[in-house]
C-alpha atoms as a PDB file:
ATOM      1  CA  MET A   1       0.009   0.072   0.110  1.00  0.00           C
ATOM      2  CA  ILE A   2       1.269   3.565  -1.006  1.00  0.00           C
ATOM      3  CA  VAL A   3       1.226   5.807   2.013  1.00  0.00           C
ATOM      4  CA  HIS A   4       2.868   8.831   0.341  1.00  0.00           C
ATOM      5  CA  ILE A   5       5.107   9.687  -2.260  1.00  0.00           C
ATOM      6  CA  ARG A   6       7.962  12.181  -2.802  1.00  0.00           C
ATOM      7  CA  GLY A   7       9.162  13.428  -5.906  1.00  0.00           C
ATOM      8  CA  GLU A   8       8.875  16.351  -8.867  1.00  0.00           C
ATOM      9  CA  LEU A   9       5.310  17.993  -9.265  1.00  0.00           C
ATOM     10  CA  THR A  10       5.284  17.640 -13.267  1.00  0.00           C
ATOM     11  CA  GLU A  11       1.546  18.446 -14.164  1.00  0.00           C
ATOM     12  CA  LYS A  12      -0.792  19.787 -11.761  1.00  0.00           C
ATOM     13  CA  SER A  13      -4.641  21.058 -12.177  1.00  0.00           C
ATOM     14  CA  PRO A  14      -7.373  21.753  -9.400  1.00  0.00           C
ATOM     15  CA  VAL A  15      -8.279  17.879  -9.418  1.00  0.00           C
ATOM     16  CA  SER A  16      -5.245  15.931  -9.988  1.00  0.00           C
ATOM     17  CA  ALA A  17      -1.410  16.080  -9.898  1.00  0.00           C
ATOM     18  CA  VAL A  18       1.592  13.967 -11.454  1.00  0.00           C
ATOM     19  CA  VAL A  19       4.670  13.380  -9.227  1.00  0.00           C
ATOM     20  CA  GLU A  20       7.480  11.993 -10.573  1.00  0.00           C
ATOM     21  CA  ALA A  21       9.228   9.546  -8.561  1.00  0.00           C
ATOM     22  CA  GLY A  22      12.033   6.989  -9.230  1.00  0.00           C
ATOM     23  CA  GLY A  23      11.544   7.584 -13.052  1.00  0.00           C
ATOM     24  CA  VAL A  24       7.579   6.818 -12.747  1.00  0.00           C
ATOM     25  CA  GLY A  25       4.843   9.465 -13.163  1.00  0.00           C
ATOM     26  CA  TYR A  26       2.219   8.660 -10.357  1.00  0.00           C
ATOM     27  CA  GLU A  27      -1.052  10.396 -11.387  1.00  0.00           C
ATOM     28  CA  LEU A  28      -3.001  11.520  -8.043  1.00  0.00           C
ATOM     29  CA  PHE A  29      -6.184  12.601  -7.669  1.00  0.00           C
ATOM     30  CA  ILE A  30      -6.717  15.926  -5.441  1.00  0.00           C
ATOM     31  CA  PRO A  31      -9.008  18.074  -3.401  1.00  0.00           C
ATOM     32  CA  ILE A  32      -8.726  21.971  -4.040  1.00  0.00           C
ATOM     33  CA  SER A  33      -7.508  22.395  -0.536  1.00  0.00           C
ATOM     34  CA  THR A  34      -4.360  20.680  -1.890  1.00  0.00           C
ATOM     35  CA  TYR A  35      -3.805  22.013  -5.241  1.00  0.00           C
ATOM     36  CA  GLU A  36      -3.587  25.540  -3.513  1.00  0.00           C
ATOM     37  CA  LYS A  37      -0.873  24.283  -1.520  1.00  0.00           C
ATOM     38  CA  LEU A  38       1.022  22.879  -4.587  1.00  0.00           C
ATOM     39  CA  PRO A  39       4.484  24.353  -5.381  1.00  0.00           C
ATOM     40  CA  ARG A  40       5.111  25.094  -8.823  1.00  0.00           C
ATOM     41  CA  THR A  41       5.863  22.386 -11.430  1.00  0.00           C
ATOM     42  CA  GLY A  42       8.937  21.172 -11.821  1.00  0.00           C
ATOM     43  CA  GLU A  43       9.810  21.379  -7.530  1.00  0.00           C
ATOM     44  CA  ASN A  44       9.640  18.705  -5.102  1.00  0.00           C
ATOM     45  CA  VAL A  45       6.566  17.917  -3.508  1.00  0.00           C
ATOM     46  CA  LYS A  46       5.403  15.315  -0.445  1.00  0.00           C
ATOM     47  CA  LEU A  47       2.057  14.087  -0.882  1.00  0.00           C
ATOM     48  CA  LEU A  48       0.012  12.010   1.541  1.00  0.00           C
ATOM     49  CA  VAL A  49      -1.470   9.453  -0.216  1.00  0.00           C
ATOM     50  CA  SER A  50      -4.903   7.260  -0.168  1.00  0.00           C
ATOM     51  CA  HIS A  51      -4.367   3.794  -2.183  1.00  0.00           C
ATOM     52  CA  ILE A  52      -7.495   2.745  -3.406  1.00  0.00           C
ATOM     53  CA  VAL A  53      -7.793  -0.948  -5.327  1.00  0.00           C
ATOM     54  CA  ARG A  54     -10.919  -2.149  -6.813  1.00  0.00           C
ATOM     55  CA  GLU A  55     -11.305  -5.034  -9.419  1.00  0.00           C
ATOM     56  CA  ASP A  56     -11.425  -2.396 -11.898  1.00  0.00           C
ATOM     57  CA  GLY A  57      -8.211  -0.952 -11.044  1.00  0.00           C
ATOM     58  CA  GLU A  58      -6.187   1.015  -8.917  1.00  0.00           C
ATOM     59  CA  THR A  59      -6.502   4.967  -7.897  1.00  0.00           C
ATOM     60  CA  LEU A  60      -4.305   7.382  -5.978  1.00  0.00           C
ATOM     61  CA  PHE A  61      -5.718  10.459  -4.106  1.00  0.00           C
ATOM     62  CA  GLY A  62      -3.218  13.023  -2.628  1.00  0.00           C
ATOM     63  CA  PHE A  63      -3.438  15.210   0.093  1.00  0.00           C
ATOM     64  CA  SER A  64      -1.314  17.798   1.770  1.00  0.00           C
ATOM     65  CA  THR A  65      -2.292  17.118   5.439  1.00  0.00           C
ATOM     66  CA  PRO A  66      -3.096  13.901   7.587  1.00  0.00           C
ATOM     67  CA  GLN A  67      -6.253  15.832   8.290  1.00  0.00           C
ATOM     68  CA  GLU A  68      -7.334  15.934   4.652  1.00  0.00           C
ATOM     69  CA  ARG A  69      -6.658  12.460   4.141  1.00  0.00           C
ATOM     70  CA  GLU A  70      -8.294  11.509   7.594  1.00  0.00           C
ATOM     71  CA  MET A  71     -11.589  12.992   6.123  1.00  0.00           C
ATOM     72  CA  PHE A  72     -11.710  11.588   3.030  1.00  0.00           C
ATOM     73  CA  THR A  73     -11.300   7.654   4.534  1.00  0.00           C
ATOM     74  CA  LEU A  74     -14.352   8.940   6.680  1.00  0.00           C
ATOM     75  CA  LEU A  75     -16.363   9.988   4.266  1.00  0.00           C
ATOM     76  CA  PHE A  76     -15.374   7.304   1.769  1.00  0.00           C
ATOM     77  CA  SER A  77     -16.355   4.816   4.796  1.00  0.00           C
ATOM     78  CA  VAL A  78     -19.818   5.909   4.501  1.00  0.00           C
ATOM     79  CA  SER A  79     -22.048   3.169   2.277  1.00  0.00           C
ATOM     80  CA  GLY A  80     -23.010   4.970  -0.851  1.00  0.00           C
ATOM     81  CA  VAL A  81     -20.017   7.622  -0.988  1.00  0.00           C
ATOM     82  CA  GLY A  82     -17.565   6.778  -3.466  1.00  0.00           C
ATOM     83  CA  PRO A  83     -13.928   7.846  -3.671  1.00  0.00           C
ATOM     84  CA  LYS A  84     -14.638  10.730  -6.029  1.00  0.00           C
ATOM     85  CA  SER A  85     -17.774  11.550  -3.841  1.00  0.00           C
ATOM     86  CA  ALA A  86     -15.604  11.853  -1.243  1.00  0.00           C
ATOM     87  CA  LEU A  87     -13.289  13.953  -2.834  1.00  0.00           C
ATOM     88  CA  GLN A  88     -15.870  16.256  -4.500  1.00  0.00           C
ATOM     89  CA  ILE A  89     -17.583  16.606  -0.922  1.00  0.00           C
ATOM     90  CA  LEU A  90     -13.796  17.372   0.494  1.00  0.00           C
ATOM     91  CA  SER A  91     -13.437  20.122  -2.293  1.00  0.00           C
ATOM     92  CA  SER A  92     -16.573  21.984  -1.305  1.00  0.00           C
ATOM     93  CA  ALA A  93     -15.414  23.585   1.728  1.00  0.00           C
ATOM     94  CA  SER A  94     -12.869  24.132   4.490  1.00  0.00           C
ATOM     95  CA  LEU A  95     -12.199  21.088   6.826  1.00  0.00           C
ATOM     96  CA  SER A  96     -13.599  22.974   9.724  1.00  0.00           C
ATOM     97  CA  GLU A  97     -16.718  24.441   7.675  1.00  0.00           C
ATOM     98  CA  LEU A  98     -17.223  20.665   6.450  1.00  0.00           C
ATOM     99  CA  ALA A  99     -16.795  19.333   9.700  1.00  0.00           C
ATOM    100  CA  THR A 100     -19.441  21.882  11.445  1.00  0.00           C
ATOM    101  CA  SER A 101     -22.127  21.182   8.851  1.00  0.00           C
ATOM    102  CA  ILE A 102     -21.830  17.299   9.427  1.00  0.00           C
ATOM    103  CA  SER A 103     -21.599  17.547  13.267  1.00  0.00           C
ATOM    104  CA  SER A 104     -24.669  19.904  13.489  1.00  0.00           C
ATOM    105  CA  SER A 105     -26.622  17.550  11.142  1.00  0.00           C
ATOM    106  CA  ASP A 106     -27.081  20.375   8.436  1.00  0.00           C
ATOM    107  CA  VAL A 107     -28.282  18.097   5.787  1.00  0.00           C
ATOM    108  CA  LYS A 108     -29.317  21.068   3.655  1.00  0.00           C
ATOM    109  CA  ARG A 109     -25.679  22.254   3.184  1.00  0.00           C
ATOM    110  CA  VAL A 110     -24.301  18.819   3.062  1.00  0.00           C
ATOM    111  CA  SER A 111     -26.914  17.997   0.159  1.00  0.00           C
ATOM    112  CA  SER A 112     -25.820  21.485  -1.635  1.00  0.00           C
ATOM    113  CA  ILE A 113     -22.813  19.903  -2.772  1.00  0.00           C
ATOM    114  CA  LYS A 114     -22.661  18.829  -6.264  1.00  0.00           C
ATOM    115  CA  GLY A 115     -23.633  15.092  -6.701  1.00  0.00           C
ATOM    116  CA  ILE A 116     -24.855  14.665  -2.975  1.00  0.00           C
ATOM    117  CA  GLY A 117     -28.433  13.840  -2.717  1.00  0.00           C
ATOM    118  CA  LYS A 118     -30.119  14.522   0.417  1.00  0.00           C
ATOM    119  CA  LYS A 119     -30.331  10.700   1.158  1.00  0.00           C
ATOM    120  CA  THR A 120     -26.584  10.596   1.054  1.00  0.00           C
ATOM    121  CA  ALA A 121     -26.009  13.524   3.157  1.00  0.00           C
ATOM    122  CA  GLY A 122     -28.591  12.191   5.803  1.00  0.00           C
ATOM    123  CA  LYS A 123     -26.343   9.160   5.797  1.00  0.00           C
ATOM    124  CA  ILE A 124     -23.135  11.225   6.319  1.00  0.00           C
ATOM    125  CA  CYS A 125     -24.218  13.162   9.233  1.00  0.00           C
ATOM    126  CA  LEU A 126     -25.638  10.467  10.969  1.00  0.00           C
ATOM    127  CA  GLU A 127     -22.697   8.120  10.672  1.00  0.00           C
ATOM    128  CA  LEU A 128     -19.841  10.622  10.831  1.00  0.00           C
ATOM    129  CA  LYS A 129     -21.704  13.665  13.165  1.00  0.00           C
ATOM    130  CA  ASP A 130     -19.547  11.939  16.514  1.00  0.00           C
ATOM    131  CA  LYS A 131     -16.466  11.478  14.622  1.00  0.00           C
ATOM    132  CA  VAL A 132     -15.974  15.039  13.048  1.00  0.00           C
ATOM    133  CA  ASP A 133     -15.370  17.284  16.157  1.00  0.00           C
ATOM    134  CA  LYS A 134     -11.742  17.122  16.163  1.00  0.00           C
ATOM    135  CA  PHE A 135     -11.447  18.667  12.634  1.00  0.00           C
ATOM    136  CA  VAL A 136     -13.879  21.757  13.554  1.00  0.00           C
ATOM    137  CA  PHE A 137     -11.089  23.896  14.497  1.00  0.00           C
ATOM    138  CA  ALA A 138      -7.798  21.388  13.584  1.00  0.00           C
ATOM    139  CA  SER A 139      -6.284  24.470  11.583  1.00  0.00           C
ATOM    140  CA  VAL A 140      -6.952  26.887  13.955  1.00  0.00           C
ATOM    141  CA  LYS A 141      -5.615  25.573  17.527  1.00  0.00           C
ATOM    142  CA  GLY A 142      -4.133  21.850  17.867  1.00  0.00           C
ATOM    143  CA  SER A 143      -5.396  21.268  21.870  1.00  0.00           C
ATOM    144  CA  PRO A 144      -8.517  19.355  22.610  1.00  0.00           C
ATOM    145  CA  LEU A 145      -9.426  22.135  24.624  1.00  0.00           C
ATOM    146  CA  ALA A 146      -9.122  24.898  22.211  1.00  0.00           C
ATOM    147  CA  SER A 147     -11.471  22.101  20.040  1.00  0.00           C
ATOM    148  CA  SER A 148     -14.133  21.886  22.846  1.00  0.00           C
ATOM    149  CA  ILE A 149     -14.070  26.010  23.322  1.00  0.00           C
ATOM    150  CA  ALA A 150     -14.336  26.473  19.804  1.00  0.00           C
ATOM    151  CA  GLY A 151     -17.093  24.201  19.427  1.00  0.00           C
ATOM    152  CA  ASP A 152     -19.161  25.307  22.448  1.00  0.00           C
ATOM    153  CA  SER A 153     -18.457  28.810  21.303  1.00  0.00           C
ATOM    154  CA  VAL A 154     -19.924  28.006  17.648  1.00  0.00           C
ATOM    155  CA  MET A 155     -22.913  26.577  19.423  1.00  0.00           C
ATOM    156  CA  ALA A 156     -23.536  29.917  21.672  1.00  0.00           C
ATOM    157  CA  LEU A 157     -23.254  32.133  18.367  1.00  0.00           C
ATOM    158  CA  ARG A 158     -25.628  29.758  16.776  1.00  0.00           C
ATOM    159  CA  ALA A 159     -27.859  29.977  19.538  1.00  0.00           C
ATOM    160  CA  LEU A 160     -27.590  34.128  19.008  1.00  0.00           C
ATOM    161  CA  GLY A 161     -28.831  33.529  15.361  1.00  0.00           C
ATOM    162  CA  PHE A 162     -25.993  33.327  13.487  1.00  0.00           C
ATOM    163  CA  SER A 163     -25.551  30.920  10.723  1.00  0.00           C
ATOM    164  CA  ASP A 164     -22.898  27.661  11.035  1.00  0.00           C
ATOM    165  CA  GLU A 165     -20.629  28.784   8.298  1.00  0.00           C
ATOM    166  CA  ALA A 166     -20.547  32.373   9.899  1.00  0.00           C
ATOM    167  CA  SER A 167     -20.199  31.282  13.582  1.00  0.00           C
ATOM    168  CA  SER A 168     -17.484  29.132  12.530  1.00  0.00           C
ATOM    169  CA  LYS A 169     -15.852  32.110  10.784  1.00  0.00           C
ATOM    170  CA  MET A 170     -16.056  34.290  13.568  1.00  0.00           C
ATOM    171  CA  VAL A 171     -14.714  31.689  16.077  1.00  0.00           C
ATOM    172  CA  ALA A 172     -11.672  31.031  13.727  1.00  0.00           C
ATOM    173  CA  ASP A 173     -11.134  34.519  13.101  1.00  0.00           C
ATOM    174  CA  VAL A 174     -10.927  34.957  17.112  1.00  0.00           C
ATOM    175  CA  PHE A 175      -8.562  32.117  17.503  1.00  0.00           C
ATOM    176  CA  ALA A 176      -6.394  33.297  14.684  1.00  0.00           C
ATOM    177  CA  SER A 177      -5.947  36.893  16.587  1.00  0.00           C
ATOM    178  CA  HIS A 178      -6.264  35.907  20.169  1.00  0.00           C
ATOM    179  CA  PRO A 179      -4.725  32.509  20.318  1.00  0.00           C
ATOM    180  CA  ASP A 180      -4.723  32.897  24.226  1.00  0.00           C
ATOM    181  CA  ALA A 181      -8.385  32.902  24.386  1.00  0.00           C
ATOM    182  CA  ASP A 182      -9.347  30.271  26.871  1.00  0.00           C
ATOM    183  CA  THR A 183     -13.238  30.382  27.548  1.00  0.00           C
ATOM    184  CA  VAL A 184     -16.169  30.590  25.643  1.00  0.00           C
ATOM    185  CA  GLU A 185     -17.226  33.760  27.068  1.00  0.00           C
ATOM    186  CA  LYS A 186     -14.165  35.573  25.980  1.00  0.00           C
ATOM    187  CA  VAL A 187     -14.074  33.957  22.231  1.00  0.00           C
ATOM    188  CA  VAL A 188     -18.134  34.833  21.985  1.00  0.00           C
ATOM    189  CA  LYS A 189     -17.425  38.386  23.343  1.00  0.00           C
ATOM    190  CA  MET A 190     -14.390  38.815  20.856  1.00  0.00           C
ATOM    191  CA  ALA A 191     -16.451  37.367  17.911  1.00  0.00           C
ATOM    192  CA  LEU A 192     -19.674  39.769  18.662  1.00  0.00           C
ATOM    193  CA  ALA A 193     -16.990  42.707  18.832  1.00  0.00           C
ATOM    194  CA  SER A 194     -15.270  42.331  15.705  1.00  0.00           C
ATOM    195  CA  ARG A 195     -18.702  42.146  14.045  1.00  0.00           C
END
């Protein structure tokens, strides 16, 4: 099983990248978030890989972070969600926005993703609701306490009438400018003050 690949980036597009390693060019399908982090062609790159083997062939999916690959694996584990659909979902929003939509069972938001119907969106929310909390603010601040404070802050802002997306962005902005925010009350006050 291939877990990562390092080599020269010879081609890239918003949906795929070709990495030459050991004289072989490997095509990897990638989410938009990975594409945005790729270097220029001709430069070296390392991508984490999810290697999918099926009766009709093998496909490589590449990711710039372990969190992207883990979310892809979770999405792909849902019955009815194939690897290409999982990649499409992953490309539809940031990890924290996607995780917030799933953990709050926002079926409408998830089903708005191209190729994902309401039934599949419902299954994704039901099966992954309790598995995606760690992604909500993984990119903002790494500790479990921060994730808990961030998640509670988002819920508090939702209760005040803000949308999931707006709440997530407000809290992410607070943590970006005030990484020392250590209570839900502080985070919500700062988020409201920045409006």
